[in-house]
């Protein structure tokens, strides 16, 4: 069944059936990644442009691997080595790329709404790889897939998102997706890093980490996004770690089965202590692996559904 939209711009408003289909398809592609030959001809003949205006390691490489595993032709764009340096607009860049007969654009941009803007000006399919502090849908999908893999279902699962909620596109996409799938979501962090109206999204709000993680099944820890901050939101890094860092001592107070996720990159011993990041409860490297399968599923469903 084709998805409701020919683009993936965010998870807000995406039907439960579409998210379910993406996660189910990801499970099939996850099996492909275990084969000796990790490649299928699904998108052979399709050309995908990775249009990245922001630095990235995991997301860019994950999309690249997913595209190549699906046998697509892949073109990489970075603003530092393009006509953007000469003043070319996002619209003109995209329209020129489309004139070369591309099929899909995977875009990462510092401006919220950049992916939606592209979808309005090009005929190619558009996948949002992160737009400002707005959304990062494939990260949330891989987080959900990892949780479903661990707990078999997302229905009724209790998930706490801990850290810099204010500047996090990952938090917003996770909230939209998890609530749609029947999970119960809470957020925790300094009051200065929690949007005032976030409770209206249907989440519980905490400022005490011990209380927030006491009864949850998973803690999704977010890094402090200094690059999006225009002022100081807390006294110091040391103080942040002391009050809001997820340490082994803190995690020991949670349920024995509580697991830890992190979208990366990790600032060790800031939002997350090293022993927790590398501990038995950490699913962080599992997230990275699952990210390839989830992005394969998204590209396949969008690339073959229009």
C-alpha atoms as a PDB file:
ATOM      1  CA  UNK A   1       0.000   0.000   0.000  1.00  0.00           C
ATOM      2  CA  UNK A   2       1.354   3.468  -0.851  1.00  0.00           C
ATOM      3  CA  UNK A   3       1.881   5.947   1.965  1.00  0.00           C
ATOM      4  CA  UNK A   4      -0.594   8.801   2.407  1.00  0.00           C
ATOM      5  CA  UNK A   5       2.029  11.308   1.201  1.00  0.00           C
ATOM      6  CA  UNK A   6       4.669  11.106  -1.526  1.00  0.00           C
ATOM      7  CA  UNK A   7       7.073  12.954   0.784  1.00  0.00           C
ATOM      8  CA  UNK A   8       8.257  12.465   4.367  1.00  0.00           C
ATOM      9  CA  UNK A   9       8.433  15.954   5.826  1.00  0.00           C
ATOM     10  CA  UNK A  10       7.730  15.122   9.471  1.00  0.00           C
ATOM     11  CA  UNK A  11       5.689  12.777  11.646  1.00  0.00           C
ATOM     12  CA  UNK A  12       3.063  15.275  12.721  1.00  0.00           C
ATOM     13  CA  UNK A  13      -0.195  14.109  11.190  1.00  0.00           C
ATOM     14  CA  UNK A  14       1.267  10.949   9.652  1.00  0.00           C
ATOM     15  CA  UNK A  15      -1.326   8.157  10.014  1.00  0.00           C
ATOM     16  CA  UNK A  16      -0.645   5.272  12.368  1.00  0.00           C
ATOM     17  CA  UNK A  17      -1.010   2.877   9.444  1.00  0.00           C
ATOM     18  CA  UNK A  18       1.832   4.614   7.566  1.00  0.00           C
ATOM     19  CA  UNK A  19       4.180   4.484  10.547  1.00  0.00           C
ATOM     20  CA  UNK A  20       3.275   0.819  11.052  1.00  0.00           C
ATOM     21  CA  UNK A  21       4.009   0.095   7.393  1.00  0.00           C
ATOM     22  CA  UNK A  22       7.397   1.825   7.571  1.00  0.00           C
ATOM     23  CA  UNK A  23       8.375  -0.095  10.705  1.00  0.00           C
ATOM     24  CA  UNK A  24       7.201  -3.407   9.224  1.00  0.00           C
ATOM     25  CA  UNK A  25       9.122  -2.739   5.997  1.00  0.00           C
ATOM     26  CA  UNK A  26      12.189  -1.831   8.056  1.00  0.00           C
ATOM     27  CA  UNK A  27      12.034  -5.264   9.680  1.00  0.00           C
ATOM     28  CA  UNK A  28      12.285  -6.862   6.229  1.00  0.00           C
ATOM     29  CA  UNK A  29      15.220  -4.660   5.241  1.00  0.00           C
ATOM     30  CA  UNK A  30      16.857  -5.376   8.587  1.00  0.00           C
ATOM     31  CA  UNK A  31      17.098  -8.988   7.442  1.00  0.00           C
ATOM     32  CA  UNK A  32      18.751  -7.856   4.208  1.00  0.00           C
ATOM     33  CA  UNK A  33      21.527  -6.210   6.242  1.00  0.00           C
ATOM     34  CA  UNK A  34      22.384  -9.592   7.767  1.00  0.00           C
ATOM     35  CA  UNK A  35      22.961 -11.258   4.380  1.00  0.00           C
ATOM     36  CA  UNK A  36      26.410 -11.751   2.842  1.00  0.00           C
ATOM     37  CA  UNK A  37      25.290  -9.539  -0.067  1.00  0.00           C
ATOM     38  CA  UNK A  38      23.526  -6.582   1.529  1.00  0.00           C
ATOM     39  CA  UNK A  39      21.938  -5.224  -1.618  1.00  0.00           C
ATOM     40  CA  UNK A  40      18.580  -5.399  -3.398  1.00  0.00           C
ATOM     41  CA  UNK A  41      17.610  -3.916  -6.809  1.00  0.00           C
ATOM     42  CA  UNK A  42      14.507  -2.122  -5.484  1.00  0.00           C
ATOM     43  CA  UNK A  43      15.465   1.424  -6.543  1.00  0.00           C
ATOM     44  CA  UNK A  44      17.710   0.557  -9.456  1.00  0.00           C
ATOM     45  CA  UNK A  45      17.522   3.356 -12.029  1.00  0.00           C
ATOM     46  CA  UNK A  46      16.434   5.953  -9.447  1.00  0.00           C
ATOM     47  CA  UNK A  47      18.676   8.943  -8.696  1.00  0.00           C
ATOM     48  CA  UNK A  48      18.707  10.370  -5.169  1.00  0.00           C
ATOM     49  CA  UNK A  49      20.418  13.619  -4.170  1.00  0.00           C
ATOM     50  CA  UNK A  50      21.539  14.068  -0.571  1.00  0.00           C
ATOM     51  CA  UNK A  51      21.173  17.837  -0.147  1.00  0.00           C
ATOM     52  CA  UNK A  52      22.937  18.562   3.140  1.00  0.00           C
ATOM     53  CA  UNK A  53      23.304  22.170   4.280  1.00  0.00           C
ATOM     54  CA  UNK A  54      24.320  21.092   7.793  1.00  0.00           C
ATOM     55  CA  UNK A  55      27.145  18.896   9.031  1.00  0.00           C
ATOM     56  CA  UNK A  56      26.220  15.286   9.698  1.00  0.00           C
ATOM     57  CA  UNK A  57      27.881  11.934  10.280  1.00  0.00           C
ATOM     58  CA  UNK A  58      25.310   9.274  11.217  1.00  0.00           C
ATOM     59  CA  UNK A  59      22.373  10.639   9.202  1.00  0.00           C
ATOM     60  CA  UNK A  60      24.353  11.328   6.030  1.00  0.00           C
ATOM     61  CA  UNK A  61      26.214   8.001   6.038  1.00  0.00           C
ATOM     62  CA  UNK A  62      23.075   6.109   7.010  1.00  0.00           C
ATOM     63  CA  UNK A  63      21.102   7.574   4.103  1.00  0.00           C
ATOM     64  CA  UNK A  64      24.024   6.943   1.759  1.00  0.00           C
ATOM     65  CA  UNK A  65      24.235   3.286   2.777  1.00  0.00           C
ATOM     66  CA  UNK A  66      20.457   2.869   2.583  1.00  0.00           C
ATOM     67  CA  UNK A  67      20.364   4.322  -0.933  1.00  0.00           C
ATOM     68  CA  UNK A  68      23.220   2.158  -2.152  1.00  0.00           C
ATOM     69  CA  UNK A  69      21.754  -0.964  -0.511  1.00  0.00           C
ATOM     70  CA  UNK A  70      18.634  -0.272  -2.596  1.00  0.00           C
ATOM     71  CA  UNK A  71      20.787   0.073  -5.757  1.00  0.00           C
ATOM     72  CA  UNK A  72      19.931   3.738  -6.332  1.00  0.00           C
ATOM     73  CA  UNK A  73      22.329   6.178  -7.987  1.00  0.00           C
ATOM     74  CA  UNK A  74      23.509   8.592  -5.297  1.00  0.00           C
ATOM     75  CA  UNK A  75      24.664  12.203  -5.592  1.00  0.00           C
ATOM     76  CA  UNK A  76      26.057  14.107  -2.604  1.00  0.00           C
ATOM     77  CA  UNK A  77      25.653  17.864  -2.235  1.00  0.00           C
ATOM     78  CA  UNK A  78      27.374  19.964   0.404  1.00  0.00           C
ATOM     79  CA  UNK A  79      26.828  23.701   0.587  1.00  0.00           C
ATOM     80  CA  UNK A  80      30.518  24.402   1.323  1.00  0.00           C
ATOM     81  CA  UNK A  81      31.548  23.186  -2.113  1.00  0.00           C
ATOM     82  CA  UNK A  82      28.625  24.447  -4.184  1.00  0.00           C
ATOM     83  CA  UNK A  83      27.176  27.579  -5.762  1.00  0.00           C
ATOM     84  CA  UNK A  84      25.511  28.336  -2.421  1.00  0.00           C
ATOM     85  CA  UNK A  85      28.813  30.057  -1.630  1.00  0.00           C
ATOM     86  CA  UNK A  86      28.062  32.349  -4.587  1.00  0.00           C
ATOM     87  CA  UNK A  87      24.594  33.234  -3.322  1.00  0.00           C
ATOM     88  CA  UNK A  88      22.429  30.598  -4.998  1.00  0.00           C
ATOM     89  CA  UNK A  89      19.101  30.077  -3.208  1.00  0.00           C
ATOM     90  CA  UNK A  90      17.718  26.768  -1.979  1.00  0.00           C
ATOM     91  CA  UNK A  91      14.967  26.990  -4.567  1.00  0.00           C
ATOM     92  CA  UNK A  92      17.380  27.536  -7.467  1.00  0.00           C
ATOM     93  CA  UNK A  93      19.717  24.790  -6.251  1.00  0.00           C
ATOM     94  CA  UNK A  94      16.847  22.304  -6.084  1.00  0.00           C
ATOM     95  CA  UNK A  95      15.350  23.335  -9.418  1.00  0.00           C
ATOM     96  CA  UNK A  96      18.719  22.999 -11.138  1.00  0.00           C
ATOM     97  CA  UNK A  97      19.238  19.561  -9.645  1.00  0.00           C
ATOM     98  CA  UNK A  98      15.756  18.518 -10.739  1.00  0.00           C
ATOM     99  CA  UNK A  99      16.515  19.671 -14.281  1.00  0.00           C
ATOM    100  CA  UNK A 100      19.131  16.903 -14.300  1.00  0.00           C
ATOM    101  CA  UNK A 101      16.272  14.371 -13.964  1.00  0.00           C
ATOM    102  CA  UNK A 102      16.667  13.311 -10.349  1.00  0.00           C
ATOM    103  CA  UNK A 103      13.933  11.341  -8.570  1.00  0.00           C
ATOM    104  CA  UNK A 104      14.314  12.142  -4.891  1.00  0.00           C
ATOM    105  CA  UNK A 105      15.903  14.719  -2.588  1.00  0.00           C
ATOM    106  CA  UNK A 106      17.004  13.983   0.956  1.00  0.00           C
ATOM    107  CA  UNK A 107      17.448  17.391   2.577  1.00  0.00           C
ATOM    108  CA  UNK A 108      19.049  18.554   5.823  1.00  0.00           C
ATOM    109  CA  UNK A 109      18.842  22.273   6.531  1.00  0.00           C
ATOM    110  CA  UNK A 110      19.153  24.703   9.414  1.00  0.00           C
ATOM    111  CA  UNK A 111      15.859  26.407   8.561  1.00  0.00           C
ATOM    112  CA  UNK A 112      12.613  24.957   9.903  1.00  0.00           C
ATOM    113  CA  UNK A 113      10.284  24.268   6.997  1.00  0.00           C
ATOM    114  CA  UNK A 114      13.018  23.812   4.396  1.00  0.00           C
ATOM    115  CA  UNK A 115      11.802  20.335   3.452  1.00  0.00           C
ATOM    116  CA  UNK A 116       8.210  21.524   3.068  1.00  0.00           C
ATOM    117  CA  UNK A 117       9.410  24.440   0.945  1.00  0.00           C
ATOM    118  CA  UNK A 118      11.275  22.063  -1.372  1.00  0.00           C
ATOM    119  CA  UNK A 119       8.265  19.789  -1.712  1.00  0.00           C
ATOM    120  CA  UNK A 120       6.295  22.795  -2.988  1.00  0.00           C
ATOM    121  CA  UNK A 121       8.813  23.813  -5.655  1.00  0.00           C
ATOM    122  CA  UNK A 122      10.059  20.485  -7.073  1.00  0.00           C
ATOM    123  CA  UNK A 123       8.357  17.438  -8.532  1.00  0.00           C
ATOM    124  CA  UNK A 124      10.838  15.026  -6.969  1.00  0.00           C
ATOM    125  CA  UNK A 125      10.021  13.181  -3.744  1.00  0.00           C
ATOM    126  CA  UNK A 126      11.405  14.932  -0.662  1.00  0.00           C
ATOM    127  CA  UNK A 127      12.612  13.284   2.539  1.00  0.00           C
ATOM    128  CA  UNK A 128      13.382  15.466   5.542  1.00  0.00           C
ATOM    129  CA  UNK A 129      16.730  14.580   7.144  1.00  0.00           C
ATOM    130  CA  UNK A 130      16.331  17.338   9.745  1.00  0.00           C
ATOM    131  CA  UNK A 131      15.128  20.931   9.373  1.00  0.00           C
ATOM    132  CA  UNK A 132      16.182  23.380  12.047  1.00  0.00           C
ATOM    133  CA  UNK A 133      14.535  22.681  15.393  1.00  0.00           C
ATOM    134  CA  UNK A 134      11.380  21.471  13.612  1.00  0.00           C
ATOM    135  CA  UNK A 135      11.466  17.725  12.842  1.00  0.00           C
ATOM    136  CA  UNK A 136      13.769  14.790  12.124  1.00  0.00           C
ATOM    137  CA  UNK A 137      11.306  12.056  11.136  1.00  0.00           C
ATOM    138  CA  UNK A 138      13.671   9.235  10.193  1.00  0.00           C
ATOM    139  CA  UNK A 139      15.528   9.564  13.505  1.00  0.00           C
ATOM    140  CA  UNK A 140      12.246   9.190  15.380  1.00  0.00           C
ATOM    141  CA  UNK A 141      11.261   6.240  13.196  1.00  0.00           C
ATOM    142  CA  UNK A 142      14.516   4.432  13.920  1.00  0.00           C
ATOM    143  CA  UNK A 143      14.086   5.193  17.624  1.00  0.00           C
ATOM    144  CA  UNK A 144      10.593   3.706  17.500  1.00  0.00           C
ATOM    145  CA  UNK A 145      11.775   0.709  15.525  1.00  0.00           C
ATOM    146  CA  UNK A 146      14.514   0.056  18.089  1.00  0.00           C
ATOM    147  CA  UNK A 147      11.992   0.253  20.934  1.00  0.00           C
ATOM    148  CA  UNK A 148       9.554  -2.018  19.128  1.00  0.00           C
ATOM    149  CA  UNK A 149      12.359  -4.478  18.485  1.00  0.00           C
ATOM    150  CA  UNK A 150      13.148  -4.502  22.219  1.00  0.00           C
ATOM    151  CA  UNK A 151       9.615  -4.490  23.665  1.00  0.00           C
ATOM    152  CA  UNK A 152       7.627  -5.995  20.729  1.00  0.00           C
ATOM    153  CA  UNK A 153       5.086  -3.165  20.804  1.00  0.00           C
ATOM    154  CA  UNK A 154       4.910   0.596  21.280  1.00  0.00           C
ATOM    155  CA  UNK A 155       1.379   0.564  22.654  1.00  0.00           C
ATOM    156  CA  UNK A 156       1.422   1.675  26.288  1.00  0.00           C
ATOM    157  CA  UNK A 157       5.210   2.009  26.365  1.00  0.00           C
ATOM    158  CA  UNK A 158       6.442   4.746  28.700  1.00  0.00           C
ATOM    159  CA  UNK A 159       9.202   6.857  27.165  1.00  0.00           C
ATOM    160  CA  UNK A 160      10.988   9.834  28.737  1.00  0.00           C
ATOM    161  CA  UNK A 161      12.841  12.288  26.499  1.00  0.00           C
ATOM    162  CA  UNK A 162      15.574  13.871  28.595  1.00  0.00           C
ATOM    163  CA  UNK A 163      17.687  16.934  27.821  1.00  0.00           C
ATOM    164  CA  UNK A 164      17.523  19.929  25.500  1.00  0.00           C
ATOM    165  CA  UNK A 165      13.902  19.676  24.396  1.00  0.00           C
ATOM    166  CA  UNK A 166      13.665  23.313  23.306  1.00  0.00           C
ATOM    167  CA  UNK A 167      16.110  23.030  20.398  1.00  0.00           C
ATOM    168  CA  UNK A 168      15.488  19.393  19.480  1.00  0.00           C
ATOM    169  CA  UNK A 169      13.877  18.326  16.223  1.00  0.00           C
ATOM    170  CA  UNK A 170      14.365  14.728  17.382  1.00  0.00           C
ATOM    171  CA  UNK A 171      12.166  15.356  20.427  1.00  0.00           C
ATOM    172  CA  UNK A 172       9.334  16.780  18.341  1.00  0.00           C
ATOM    173  CA  UNK A 173       9.307  13.938  15.833  1.00  0.00           C
ATOM    174  CA  UNK A 174       9.510  11.350  18.612  1.00  0.00           C
ATOM    175  CA  UNK A 175       6.604  12.925  20.454  1.00  0.00           C
ATOM    176  CA  UNK A 176       4.415  12.980  17.337  1.00  0.00           C
ATOM    177  CA  UNK A 177       5.317   9.430  16.333  1.00  0.00           C
ATOM    178  CA  UNK A 178       5.219   7.774  19.748  1.00  0.00           C
ATOM    179  CA  UNK A 179       1.883   9.319  20.709  1.00  0.00           C
ATOM    180  CA  UNK A 180       0.403   8.227  17.376  1.00  0.00           C
ATOM    181  CA  UNK A 181       1.543   4.669  18.091  1.00  0.00           C
ATOM    182  CA  UNK A 182      -0.029   4.628  21.545  1.00  0.00           C
ATOM    183  CA  UNK A 183       3.021   5.232  23.727  1.00  0.00           C
ATOM    184  CA  UNK A 184       3.032   7.497  26.777  1.00  0.00           C
ATOM    185  CA  UNK A 185       5.632  10.245  26.518  1.00  0.00           C
ATOM    186  CA  UNK A 186       7.203  12.537  29.095  1.00  0.00           C
ATOM    187  CA  UNK A 187       9.938  15.147  28.795  1.00  0.00           C
ATOM    188  CA  UNK A 188      12.491  16.272  31.352  1.00  0.00           C
ATOM    189  CA  UNK A 189      15.148  18.962  31.472  1.00  0.00           C
ATOM    190  CA  UNK A 190      15.908  22.412  32.849  1.00  0.00           C
ATOM    191  CA  UNK A 191      12.879  24.703  32.737  1.00  0.00           C
ATOM    192  CA  UNK A 192      14.846  26.958  30.386  1.00  0.00           C
ATOM    193  CA  UNK A 193      15.173  24.101  27.874  1.00  0.00           C
ATOM    194  CA  UNK A 194      11.533  22.994  27.869  1.00  0.00           C
ATOM    195  CA  UNK A 195       9.081  24.834  25.568  1.00  0.00           C
ATOM    196  CA  UNK A 196       6.338  26.476  27.604  1.00  0.00           C
ATOM    197  CA  UNK A 197       3.539  24.982  25.529  1.00  0.00           C
ATOM    198  CA  UNK A 198       4.904  21.458  25.140  1.00  0.00           C
ATOM    199  CA  UNK A 199       2.295  20.044  27.524  1.00  0.00           C
ATOM    200  CA  UNK A 200      -0.288  20.840  24.868  1.00  0.00           C
ATOM    201  CA  UNK A 201       1.292  18.130  22.714  1.00  0.00           C
ATOM    202  CA  UNK A 202       0.047  15.532  25.215  1.00  0.00           C
ATOM    203  CA  UNK A 203       3.235  14.868  27.184  1.00  0.00           C
ATOM    204  CA  UNK A 204       4.012  14.979  30.898  1.00  0.00           C
ATOM    205  CA  UNK A 205       6.643  17.522  31.932  1.00  0.00           C
ATOM    206  CA  UNK A 206       9.297  16.974  34.616  1.00  0.00           C
ATOM    207  CA  UNK A 207      12.273  18.943  35.881  1.00  0.00           C
ATOM    208  CA  UNK A 208      13.483  16.232  38.293  1.00  0.00           C
ATOM    209  CA  UNK A 209      15.358  13.437  36.511  1.00  0.00           C
ATOM    210  CA  UNK A 210      14.971  10.851  39.282  1.00  0.00           C
ATOM    211  CA  UNK A 211      11.221  11.337  39.311  1.00  0.00           C
ATOM    212  CA  UNK A 212      10.975  11.411  35.514  1.00  0.00           C
ATOM    213  CA  UNK A 213      12.746   8.094  34.880  1.00  0.00           C
ATOM    214  CA  UNK A 214      11.429   6.140  37.875  1.00  0.00           C
ATOM    215  CA  UNK A 215       8.638   4.299  36.063  1.00  0.00           C
ATOM    216  CA  UNK A 216       9.598   4.520  32.385  1.00  0.00           C
ATOM    217  CA  UNK A 217      10.584   1.770  29.977  1.00  0.00           C
ATOM    218  CA  UNK A 218      13.029   3.888  27.984  1.00  0.00           C
ATOM    219  CA  UNK A 219      14.985   7.115  28.327  1.00  0.00           C
ATOM    220  CA  UNK A 220      15.877   8.909  25.106  1.00  0.00           C
ATOM    221  CA  UNK A 221      18.718  11.260  26.047  1.00  0.00           C
ATOM    222  CA  UNK A 222      19.358  14.391  23.975  1.00  0.00           C
ATOM    223  CA  UNK A 223      22.547  16.412  23.766  1.00  0.00           C
ATOM    224  CA  UNK A 224      22.753  20.115  24.486  1.00  0.00           C
ATOM    225  CA  UNK A 225      22.596  21.858  21.107  1.00  0.00           C
ATOM    226  CA  UNK A 226      25.004  24.723  21.653  1.00  0.00           C
ATOM    227  CA  UNK A 227      24.946  25.580  17.946  1.00  0.00           C
ATOM    228  CA  UNK A 228      21.273  26.611  18.219  1.00  0.00           C
ATOM    229  CA  UNK A 229      21.653  28.609  21.431  1.00  0.00           C
ATOM    230  CA  UNK A 230      21.876  32.378  21.387  1.00  0.00           C
ATOM    231  CA  UNK A 231      22.275  32.749  25.145  1.00  0.00           C
ATOM    232  CA  UNK A 232      23.131  30.726  28.275  1.00  0.00           C
ATOM    233  CA  UNK A 233      20.354  28.387  29.431  1.00  0.00           C
ATOM    234  CA  UNK A 234      22.138  26.898  32.479  1.00  0.00           C
ATOM    235  CA  UNK A 235      25.108  27.855  34.698  1.00  0.00           C
ATOM    236  CA  UNK A 236      27.750  25.419  33.373  1.00  0.00           C
ATOM    237  CA  UNK A 237      28.335  22.031  31.743  1.00  0.00           C
ATOM    238  CA  UNK A 238      29.456  20.606  35.070  1.00  0.00           C
ATOM    239  CA  UNK A 239      26.287  21.825  36.753  1.00  0.00           C
ATOM    240  CA  UNK A 240      24.133  20.435  33.950  1.00  0.00           C
ATOM    241  CA  UNK A 241      25.723  16.993  34.295  1.00  0.00           C
ATOM    242  CA  UNK A 242      25.286  17.045  38.055  1.00  0.00           C
ATOM    243  CA  UNK A 243      21.595  17.928  37.912  1.00  0.00           C
ATOM    244  CA  UNK A 244      20.386  16.469  34.604  1.00  0.00           C
ATOM    245  CA  UNK A 245      23.032  13.995  33.430  1.00  0.00           C
ATOM    246  CA  UNK A 246      21.979  10.353  33.167  1.00  0.00           C
ATOM    247  CA  UNK A 247      24.487   8.461  35.295  1.00  0.00           C
ATOM    248  CA  UNK A 248      24.710   4.811  36.303  1.00  0.00           C
ATOM    249  CA  UNK A 249      23.693   5.793  39.821  1.00  0.00           C
ATOM    250  CA  UNK A 250      20.557   7.503  38.519  1.00  0.00           C
ATOM    251  CA  UNK A 251      19.708   4.703  36.103  1.00  0.00           C
ATOM    252  CA  UNK A 252      19.952   2.158  38.921  1.00  0.00           C
ATOM    253  CA  UNK A 253      16.870   3.798  40.471  1.00  0.00           C
ATOM    254  CA  UNK A 254      14.794   3.133  37.336  1.00  0.00           C
ATOM    255  CA  UNK A 255      13.116  -0.169  36.483  1.00  0.00           C
ATOM    256  CA  UNK A 256      15.522  -3.078  35.822  1.00  0.00           C
ATOM    257  CA  UNK A 257      14.374  -3.286  32.196  1.00  0.00           C
ATOM    258  CA  UNK A 258      14.669   0.441  31.420  1.00  0.00           C
ATOM    259  CA  UNK A 259      16.787   1.039  28.315  1.00  0.00           C
ATOM    260  CA  UNK A 260      18.717   4.066  27.091  1.00  0.00           C
ATOM    261  CA  UNK A 261      18.697   5.662  23.634  1.00  0.00           C
ATOM    262  CA  UNK A 262      20.578   8.621  22.198  1.00  0.00           C
ATOM    263  CA  UNK A 263      20.391  10.078  18.659  1.00  0.00           C
ATOM    264  CA  UNK A 264      24.066  11.101  18.692  1.00  0.00           C
ATOM    265  CA  UNK A 265      26.513  12.613  18.738  1.00  0.00           C
ATOM    266  CA  UNK A 266      27.066  11.872  22.431  1.00  0.00           C
ATOM    267  CA  UNK A 267      28.702  14.409  24.704  1.00  0.00           C
ATOM    268  CA  UNK A 268      30.110  11.915  27.165  1.00  0.00           C
ATOM    269  CA  UNK A 269      29.851  12.841  30.817  1.00  0.00           C
ATOM    270  CA  UNK A 270      27.618  15.778  29.983  1.00  0.00           C
ATOM    271  CA  UNK A 271      24.094  14.561  29.209  1.00  0.00           C
ATOM    272  CA  UNK A 272      25.126  10.919  29.498  1.00  0.00           C
ATOM    273  CA  UNK A 273      27.899   9.280  31.490  1.00  0.00           C
ATOM    274  CA  UNK A 274      30.328   7.042  29.605  1.00  0.00           C
ATOM    275  CA  UNK A 275      29.455   3.944  31.629  1.00  0.00           C
ATOM    276  CA  UNK A 276      25.773   4.313  30.727  1.00  0.00           C
ATOM    277  CA  UNK A 277      26.518   4.948  27.046  1.00  0.00           C
ATOM    278  CA  UNK A 278      28.570   1.751  26.893  1.00  0.00           C
ATOM    279  CA  UNK A 279      26.500  -0.232  29.389  1.00  0.00           C
ATOM    280  CA  UNK A 280      24.180  -3.199  29.013  1.00  0.00           C
ATOM    281  CA  UNK A 281      21.060  -1.026  28.964  1.00  0.00           C
ATOM    282  CA  UNK A 282      22.289   1.106  26.071  1.00  0.00           C
ATOM    283  CA  UNK A 283      20.661   0.584  22.661  1.00  0.00           C
ATOM    284  CA  UNK A 284      22.651   3.370  21.022  1.00  0.00           C
ATOM    285  CA  UNK A 285      24.661   1.262  18.566  1.00  0.00           C
ATOM    286  CA  UNK A 286      21.531  -0.745  17.820  1.00  0.00           C
ATOM    287  CA  UNK A 287      19.873   2.531  16.823  1.00  0.00           C
ATOM    288  CA  UNK A 288      22.684   3.219  14.358  1.00  0.00           C
ATOM    289  CA  UNK A 289      22.286  -0.172  12.691  1.00  0.00           C
ATOM    290  CA  UNK A 290      18.509   0.074  12.622  1.00  0.00           C
ATOM    291  CA  UNK A 291      18.788   3.532  11.082  1.00  0.00           C
ATOM    292  CA  UNK A 292      19.970   2.038   7.804  1.00  0.00           C
ATOM    293  CA  UNK A 293      17.039  -0.395   7.668  1.00  0.00           C
ATOM    294  CA  UNK A 294      14.490   2.284   8.546  1.00  0.00           C
ATOM    295  CA  UNK A 295      15.828   4.668   5.918  1.00  0.00           C
ATOM    296  CA  UNK A 296      15.781   1.862   3.368  1.00  0.00           C
ATOM    297  CA  UNK A 297      12.111   1.361   4.204  1.00  0.00           C
ATOM    298  CA  UNK A 298      11.307   5.083   3.865  1.00  0.00           C
ATOM    299  CA  UNK A 299      13.149   5.420   0.549  1.00  0.00           C
ATOM    300  CA  UNK A 300      11.560   2.249  -0.808  1.00  0.00           C
ATOM    301  CA  UNK A 301       7.995   3.169   0.160  1.00  0.00           C
ATOM    302  CA  UNK A 302       8.315   6.742  -1.111  1.00  0.00           C
ATOM    303  CA  UNK A 303      10.392   5.899  -4.177  1.00  0.00           C
ATOM    304  CA  UNK A 304       8.040   3.179  -5.415  1.00  0.00           C
ATOM    305  CA  UNK A 305       4.742   4.669  -4.299  1.00  0.00           C
ATOM    306  CA  UNK A 306       4.510   7.691  -6.570  1.00  0.00           C
END
